[in-house]
C-alpha atoms as a PDB file:
ATOM      1  CA  MET A   1     -10.667 -19.967  13.230  1.00  0.00           C
ATOM      2  CA  GLY A   2      -7.492 -17.965  11.783  1.00  0.00           C
ATOM      3  CA  LEU A   3      -5.190 -17.972   9.100  1.00  0.00           C
ATOM      4  CA  LYS A   4      -2.388 -20.769   9.702  1.00  0.00           C
ATOM      5  CA  LYS A   5       1.530 -19.401   9.465  1.00  0.00           C
ATOM      6  CA  PHE A   6       2.551 -21.860   6.953  1.00  0.00           C
ATOM      7  CA  PHE A   7       1.912 -24.395   5.129  1.00  0.00           C
ATOM      8  CA  LEU A   8       5.315 -26.347   5.630  1.00  0.00           C
ATOM      9  CA  LYS A   9       6.258 -25.769   9.259  1.00  0.00           C
ATOM     10  CA  ASN A  10      10.310 -24.595   9.819  1.00  0.00           C
ATOM     11  CA  THR A  11      11.004 -23.809   5.409  1.00  0.00           C
ATOM     12  CA  ILE A  12      11.303 -20.725   4.006  1.00  0.00           C
ATOM     13  CA  GLU A  13       7.704 -20.533   1.877  1.00  0.00           C
ATOM     14  CA  ALA A  14       6.658 -17.702  -0.112  1.00  0.00           C
ATOM     15  CA  GLY A  15       2.647 -16.801  -0.633  1.00  0.00           C
ATOM     16  CA  THR A  16       1.419 -15.235  -3.863  1.00  0.00           C
ATOM     17  CA  ASP A  17      -1.907 -14.189  -5.475  1.00  0.00           C
ATOM     18  CA  GLU A  18      -3.225 -11.399  -7.536  1.00  0.00           C
ATOM     19  CA  ALA A  19      -5.749  -9.151  -7.802  1.00  0.00           C
ATOM     20  CA  GLY A  20      -8.020  -8.209 -10.813  1.00  0.00           C
ATOM     21  CA  ARG A  21      -8.242 -10.812 -12.928  1.00  0.00           C
ATOM     22  CA  GLY A  22     -12.225 -10.190 -13.433  1.00  0.00           C
ATOM     23  CA  CYS A  23     -11.581  -6.863 -13.993  1.00  0.00           C
ATOM     24  CA  LEU A  24     -12.176  -5.286 -17.822  1.00  0.00           C
ATOM     25  CA  ALA A  25      -9.730  -2.478 -17.648  1.00  0.00           C
ATOM     26  CA  GLY A  26      -6.116  -2.543 -16.162  1.00  0.00           C
ATOM     27  CA  PRO A  27      -3.204  -4.551 -15.188  1.00  0.00           C
ATOM     28  CA  VAL A  28      -3.377  -7.848 -13.092  1.00  0.00           C
ATOM     29  CA  VAL A  29      -1.314  -7.212 -10.340  1.00  0.00           C
ATOM     30  CA  ALA A  30       0.444  -9.888  -8.052  1.00  0.00           C
ATOM     31  CA  ALA A  31       2.252  -9.516  -5.098  1.00  0.00           C
ATOM     32  CA  ALA A  32       4.762 -12.950  -3.296  1.00  0.00           C
ATOM     33  CA  VAL A  33       5.764 -12.456   0.314  1.00  0.00           C
ATOM     34  CA  ILE A  34       7.531 -14.349   3.109  1.00  0.00           C
ATOM     35  CA  LEU A  35       6.807 -13.548   6.192  1.00  0.00           C
ATOM     36  CA  PRO A  36       8.542 -14.086   9.442  1.00  0.00           C
ATOM     37  CA  GLU A  37       7.763 -16.945  12.217  1.00  0.00           C
ATOM     38  CA  ASN A  38       6.404 -14.064  14.171  1.00  0.00           C
ATOM     39  CA  PHE A  39       4.122 -11.664  11.985  1.00  0.00           C
ATOM     40  CA  LYS A  40       0.936 -10.839  13.425  1.00  0.00           C
ATOM     41  CA  HIS A  41      -1.709  -8.486  13.199  1.00  0.00           C
ATOM     42  CA  PRO A  42      -5.219  -8.200  14.146  1.00  0.00           C
ATOM     43  CA  LEU A  43      -6.690  -6.957  10.821  1.00  0.00           C
ATOM     44  CA  LEU A  44      -4.945  -9.840   8.231  1.00  0.00           C
ATOM     45  CA  ASN A  45      -7.316 -11.486   6.774  1.00  0.00           C
ATOM     46  CA  ASP A  46      -8.787 -12.232   2.876  1.00  0.00           C
ATOM     47  CA  SER A  47      -8.101  -8.922   1.344  1.00  0.00           C
ATOM     48  CA  LYS A  48     -12.065  -9.453  -0.269  1.00  0.00           C
ATOM     49  CA  GLN A  49     -12.989  -9.464   3.611  1.00  0.00           C
ATOM     50  CA  LEU A  50     -11.193  -5.613   4.468  1.00  0.00           C
ATOM     51  CA  THR A  51     -12.297  -2.604   3.532  1.00  0.00           C
ATOM     52  CA  GLU A  52      -9.992  -0.253   1.556  1.00  0.00           C
ATOM     53  CA  THR A  53      -9.434   1.514   4.701  1.00  0.00           C
ATOM     54  CA  GLN A  54      -8.276  -1.537   6.746  1.00  0.00           C
ATOM     55  CA  ARG A  55      -5.745  -2.727   3.391  1.00  0.00           C
ATOM     56  CA  ASN A  56      -4.339   0.378   3.243  1.00  0.00           C
ATOM     57  CA  LEU A  57      -3.707   0.437   6.963  1.00  0.00           C
ATOM     58  CA  LEU A  58      -1.972  -3.346   6.537  1.00  0.00           C
ATOM     59  CA  ARG A  59       0.111  -2.321   3.441  1.00  0.00           C
ATOM     60  CA  PRO A  60       3.615  -0.696   4.854  1.00  0.00           C
ATOM     61  CA  TYR A  61       2.877  -2.722   8.433  1.00  0.00           C
ATOM     62  CA  ILE A  62       3.513  -5.922   5.866  1.00  0.00           C
ATOM     63  CA  GLU A  63       6.184  -3.901   3.708  1.00  0.00           C
ATOM     64  CA  LYS A  64       8.038  -3.200   6.914  1.00  0.00           C
ATOM     65  CA  ASN A  65       7.797  -6.386   8.478  1.00  0.00           C
ATOM     66  CA  ALA A  66       7.972  -9.201   5.746  1.00  0.00           C
ATOM     67  CA  LEU A  67      11.123 -10.847   5.367  1.00  0.00           C
ATOM     68  CA  ALA A  68      10.855 -10.363   1.544  1.00  0.00           C
ATOM     69  CA  PHE A  69       8.376  -9.237  -0.811  1.00  0.00           C
ATOM     70  CA  GLY A  70       7.451  -8.688  -4.626  1.00  0.00           C
ATOM     71  CA  VAL A  71       5.015  -6.685  -6.764  1.00  0.00           C
ATOM     72  CA  SER A  72       4.182  -6.629 -10.299  1.00  0.00           C
ATOM     73  CA  PHE A  73       2.096  -5.668 -12.613  1.00  0.00           C
ATOM     74  CA  ILE A  74       0.956  -7.489 -16.165  1.00  0.00           C
ATOM     75  CA  SER A  75      -0.445  -5.034 -18.530  1.00  0.00           C
ATOM     76  CA  GLU A  76      -3.743  -5.120 -20.184  1.00  0.00           C
ATOM     77  CA  LYS A  77      -1.838  -5.767 -23.967  1.00  0.00           C
ATOM     78  CA  LYS A  78      -0.033  -8.728 -22.141  1.00  0.00           C
ATOM     79  CA  ILE A  79      -3.324  -9.848 -21.135  1.00  0.00           C
ATOM     80  CA  ASP A  80      -4.525  -9.830 -24.315  1.00  0.00           C
ATOM     81  CA  GLU A  81      -1.998 -10.890 -25.988  1.00  0.00           C
ATOM     82  CA  ILE A  82      -1.390 -14.650 -23.181  1.00  0.00           C
ATOM     83  CA  ASN A  83      -4.880 -14.595 -22.174  1.00  0.00           C
ATOM     84  CA  ILE A  84      -5.711 -13.588 -18.105  1.00  0.00           C
ATOM     85  CA  LEU A  85      -5.127 -17.334 -16.635  1.00  0.00           C
ATOM     86  CA  GLN A  86      -0.910 -17.099 -17.988  1.00  0.00           C
ATOM     87  CA  ALA A  87      -0.821 -13.570 -17.546  1.00  0.00           C
ATOM     88  CA  SER A  88      -1.903 -13.797 -13.904  1.00  0.00           C
ATOM     89  CA  ILE A  89       0.612 -16.813 -13.103  1.00  0.00           C
ATOM     90  CA  LEU A  90       2.963 -14.768 -15.484  1.00  0.00           C
ATOM     91  CA  GLY A  91       2.709 -12.203 -12.436  1.00  0.00           C
ATOM     92  CA  MET A  92       3.238 -14.325  -9.959  1.00  0.00           C
ATOM     93  CA  HIS A  93       6.341 -15.404 -11.208  1.00  0.00           C
ATOM     94  CA  GLU A  94       7.766 -11.850 -11.880  1.00  0.00           C
ATOM     95  CA  SER A  95       6.774 -11.150  -8.020  1.00  0.00           C
ATOM     96  CA  LEU A  96       8.587 -14.358  -7.258  1.00  0.00           C
ATOM     97  CA  LYS A  97      11.235 -12.912  -9.450  1.00  0.00           C
ATOM     98  CA  LYS A  98      11.942  -9.757  -7.205  1.00  0.00           C
ATOM     99  CA  LEU A  99      11.766 -11.220  -3.542  1.00  0.00           C
ATOM    100  CA  THR A 100      14.857 -11.015  -2.105  1.00  0.00           C
ATOM    101  CA  ILE A 101      15.596 -14.434  -0.364  1.00  0.00           C
ATOM    102  CA  ILE A 102      14.578 -17.444  -2.410  1.00  0.00           C
ATOM    103  CA  PRO A 103      11.895 -19.407  -0.740  1.00  0.00           C
ATOM    104  CA  LYS A 104      12.364 -23.084  -0.335  1.00  0.00           C
ATOM    105  CA  HIS A 105       8.487 -23.427  -0.771  1.00  0.00           C
ATOM    106  CA  ILE A 106       5.625 -21.346  -2.371  1.00  0.00           C
ATOM    107  CA  ILE A 107       1.701 -21.236  -1.794  1.00  0.00           C
ATOM    108  CA  VAL A 108      -0.454 -20.133  -4.429  1.00  0.00           C
ATOM    109  CA  ASP A 109      -4.224 -18.945  -4.065  1.00  0.00           C
ATOM    110  CA  GLY A 110      -6.334 -20.866  -6.259  1.00  0.00           C
ATOM    111  CA  ASN A 111      -5.595 -23.705  -8.022  1.00  0.00           C
ATOM    112  CA  LYS A 112      -3.754 -23.127 -11.051  1.00  0.00           C
ATOM    113  CA  PHE A 113      -0.099 -22.367 -11.275  1.00  0.00           C
ATOM    114  CA  LYS A 114       3.002 -23.454 -13.218  1.00  0.00           C
ATOM    115  CA  PRO A 115       6.459 -24.375 -11.525  1.00  0.00           C
ATOM    116  CA  TYR A 116       8.561 -21.573 -10.531  1.00  0.00           C
ATOM    117  CA  LYS A 117      12.610 -22.313 -11.194  1.00  0.00           C
ATOM    118  CA  SER A 118      12.235 -25.547  -9.634  1.00  0.00           C
ATOM    119  CA  ILE A 119      10.845 -24.777  -6.094  1.00  0.00           C
ATOM    120  CA  PRO A 120       7.797 -26.911  -4.363  1.00  0.00           C
ATOM    121  CA  TYR A 121       4.741 -25.118  -4.557  1.00  0.00           C
ATOM    122  CA  THR A 122       1.224 -26.253  -3.252  1.00  0.00           C
ATOM    123  CA  THR A 123      -2.186 -24.878  -4.851  1.00  0.00           C
ATOM    124  CA  VAL A 124      -4.650 -23.520  -2.121  1.00  0.00           C
ATOM    125  CA  VAL A 125      -8.016 -22.960  -3.030  1.00  0.00           C
ATOM    126  CA  LYS A 126      -9.021 -20.260  -0.832  1.00  0.00           C
ATOM    127  CA  GLY A 127      -5.186 -19.643   0.204  1.00  0.00           C
ATOM    128  CA  ASP A 128      -5.941 -15.619   0.967  1.00  0.00           C
ATOM    129  CA  ALA A 129      -8.101 -16.820   3.776  1.00  0.00           C
ATOM    130  CA  LYS A 130      -6.084 -20.083   4.816  1.00  0.00           C
ATOM    131  CA  PHE A 131      -2.988 -18.606   5.299  1.00  0.00           C
ATOM    132  CA  MET A 132      -1.184 -15.272   6.256  1.00  0.00           C
ATOM    133  CA  SER A 133       1.574 -15.045   3.534  1.00  0.00           C
ATOM    134  CA  ILE A 134      -1.072 -15.383   0.956  1.00  0.00           C
ATOM    135  CA  ALA A 135      -3.513 -13.108   2.887  1.00  0.00           C
ATOM    136  CA  ALA A 136      -0.684 -10.531   2.852  1.00  0.00           C
ATOM    137  CA  ALA A 137       0.238 -11.075  -0.977  1.00  0.00           C
ATOM    138  CA  SER A 138      -3.326 -10.126  -1.586  1.00  0.00           C
ATOM    139  CA  VAL A 139      -3.336  -7.084   0.245  1.00  0.00           C
ATOM    140  CA  LEU A 140      -0.178  -5.806  -1.800  1.00  0.00           C
ATOM    141  CA  ALA A 141      -1.714  -7.077  -4.840  1.00  0.00           C
ATOM    142  CA  LYS A 142      -5.010  -5.257  -4.284  1.00  0.00           C
ATOM    143  CA  THR A 143      -3.598  -1.648  -2.985  1.00  0.00           C
ATOM    144  CA  TYR A 144      -0.926  -1.343  -5.508  1.00  0.00           C
ATOM    145  CA  ARG A 145      -3.590  -2.239  -8.295  1.00  0.00           C
ATOM    146  CA  ASP A 146      -6.547  -0.142  -6.458  1.00  0.00           C
ATOM    147  CA  GLU A 147      -3.766   3.030  -6.668  1.00  0.00           C
ATOM    148  CA  PHE A 148      -2.243   2.116 -10.320  1.00  0.00           C
ATOM    149  CA  MET A 149      -6.326   2.220 -11.421  1.00  0.00           C
ATOM    150  CA  LEU A 150      -7.166   5.856  -9.169  1.00  0.00           C
ATOM    151  CA  ARG A 151      -4.130   7.348 -11.596  1.00  0.00           C
ATOM    152  CA  ILE A 152      -5.591   6.201 -14.527  1.00  0.00           C
ATOM    153  CA  ASP A 153      -9.064   7.075 -13.915  1.00  0.00           C
ATOM    154  CA  THR A 154      -7.811  10.712 -13.713  1.00  0.00           C
ATOM    155  CA  GLU A 155      -7.166   9.903 -17.669  1.00  0.00           C
ATOM    156  CA  TYR A 156     -10.571   8.837 -18.519  1.00  0.00           C
ATOM    157  CA  PRO A 157     -13.001  10.213 -15.124  1.00  0.00           C
ATOM    158  CA  ASN A 158     -15.886   8.871 -17.446  1.00  0.00           C
ATOM    159  CA  TYR A 159     -15.549   4.881 -16.932  1.00  0.00           C
ATOM    160  CA  PHE A 160     -15.391   5.848 -12.523  1.00  0.00           C
ATOM    161  CA  TRP A 161     -12.503   3.696 -11.957  1.00  0.00           C
ATOM    162  CA  ASN A 162     -12.193   5.475  -8.711  1.00  0.00           C
ATOM    163  CA  LYS A 163     -15.017   3.304  -7.908  1.00  0.00           C
ATOM    164  CA  ASN A 164     -15.516   0.859  -9.678  1.00  0.00           C
ATOM    165  CA  LYS A 165     -11.526   0.016 -10.156  1.00  0.00           C
ATOM    166  CA  GLY A 166     -11.853  -1.652 -13.731  1.00  0.00           C
ATOM    167  CA  TYR A 167     -14.646  -4.323 -12.473  1.00  0.00           C
ATOM    168  CA  PRO A 168     -17.549  -4.870 -14.719  1.00  0.00           C
ATOM    169  CA  THR A 169     -20.301  -2.645 -12.643  1.00  0.00           C
ATOM    170  CA  LYS A 170     -23.000  -1.867 -14.314  1.00  0.00           C
ATOM    171  CA  GLN A 171     -21.896   2.010 -14.367  1.00  0.00           C
ATOM    172  CA  HIS A 172     -18.595   0.716 -15.948  1.00  0.00           C
ATOM    173  CA  ARG A 173     -19.980  -0.862 -18.752  1.00  0.00           C
ATOM    174  CA  ASP A 174     -22.462   1.949 -19.448  1.00  0.00           C
ATOM    175  CA  ALA A 175     -19.525   4.262 -19.733  1.00  0.00           C
ATOM    176  CA  ILE A 176     -18.103   1.418 -22.466  1.00  0.00           C
ATOM    177  CA  ARG A 177     -21.383   1.771 -24.133  1.00  0.00           C
ATOM    178  CA  GLU A 178     -21.454   5.509 -24.419  1.00  0.00           C
ATOM    179  CA  PHE A 179     -17.759   6.842 -24.556  1.00  0.00           C
ATOM    180  CA  GLY A 180     -16.198   2.988 -26.116  1.00  0.00           C
ATOM    181  CA  ALA A 181     -12.785   1.084 -24.975  1.00  0.00           C
ATOM    182  CA  THR A 182      -9.981   2.682 -23.946  1.00  0.00           C
ATOM    183  CA  LYS A 183      -6.319   1.732 -24.056  1.00  0.00           C
ATOM    184  CA  TYR A 184      -6.723   0.351 -20.780  1.00  0.00           C
ATOM    185  CA  HIS A 185      -9.678  -1.698 -21.749  1.00  0.00           C
ATOM    186  CA  ARG A 186      -8.803  -5.555 -21.649  1.00  0.00           C
ATOM    187  CA  LYS A 187     -10.031  -6.380 -25.531  1.00  0.00           C
ATOM    188  CA  SER A 188      -9.827  -9.526 -25.309  1.00  0.00           C
ATOM    189  CA  PHE A 189     -12.899  -9.654 -22.983  1.00  0.00           C
ATOM    190  CA  LYS A 190     -16.209  -9.386 -23.296  1.00  0.00           C
ATOM    191  CA  LEU A 191     -16.411  -5.600 -22.588  1.00  0.00           C
ATOM    192  CA  LEU A 192     -20.560  -5.674 -22.932  1.00  0.00           C
ATOM    193  CA  PRO A 193     -22.682  -8.667 -22.407  1.00  0.00           C
ATOM    194  CA  GLU A 194     -24.715  -7.993 -26.145  1.00  0.00           C
ATOM    195  CA  GLN A 195     -21.026  -7.415 -27.812  1.00  0.00           C
ATOM    196  CA  LEU A 196     -20.389  -9.859 -30.605  1.00  0.00           C
ATOM    197  CA  LYS A 197     -17.329  -7.690 -32.254  1.00  0.00           C
ATOM    198  CA  LEU A 198     -16.536  -4.553 -31.463  1.00  0.00           C
ATOM    199  CA  ASP A 199     -14.225  -2.702 -33.826  1.00  0.00           C
ATOM    200  CA  PHE A 200     -11.157  -1.660 -31.981  1.00  0.00           C
END
């Protein structure tokens, strides 16, 4: 089936996506990418379908061959302040702001977005499995976020972020139960299933 190049033809189009929305710890990371007409790579697909090795191979290729890209991090503190959906949208806006070329149209993974400047946009459910620029943005967002989680894993090795990347695995929840929450945990999230209230 393959990914489509663009939603609108003959238009400078940016694809945007985020990674880490469902995590209990760490930032949500968003990326925006504008790809050239002739962009192709045999591996490019929705980042969830790719292995870590494939994503790490794709990242430098995307960065080298994209017309423009931007990546932004929204901290767990900000997520707690404005909620994860708003933080994801803010991240996408921040990434779009970093593009050196202003797009004429934006395609967004998912079904929620807020207007950015006055650029027309289209939301696409499962867009990372349909359009190249969203797939490329999902690869950048995921690799930058994973890299960050590996870095903070050395600070808090008990939570196995090098493996779970902050997602709610059993191992991660067991560590929260045993060691409590860290400064990287999202306090507004239900960190444990039995949590009524945790005193932070």
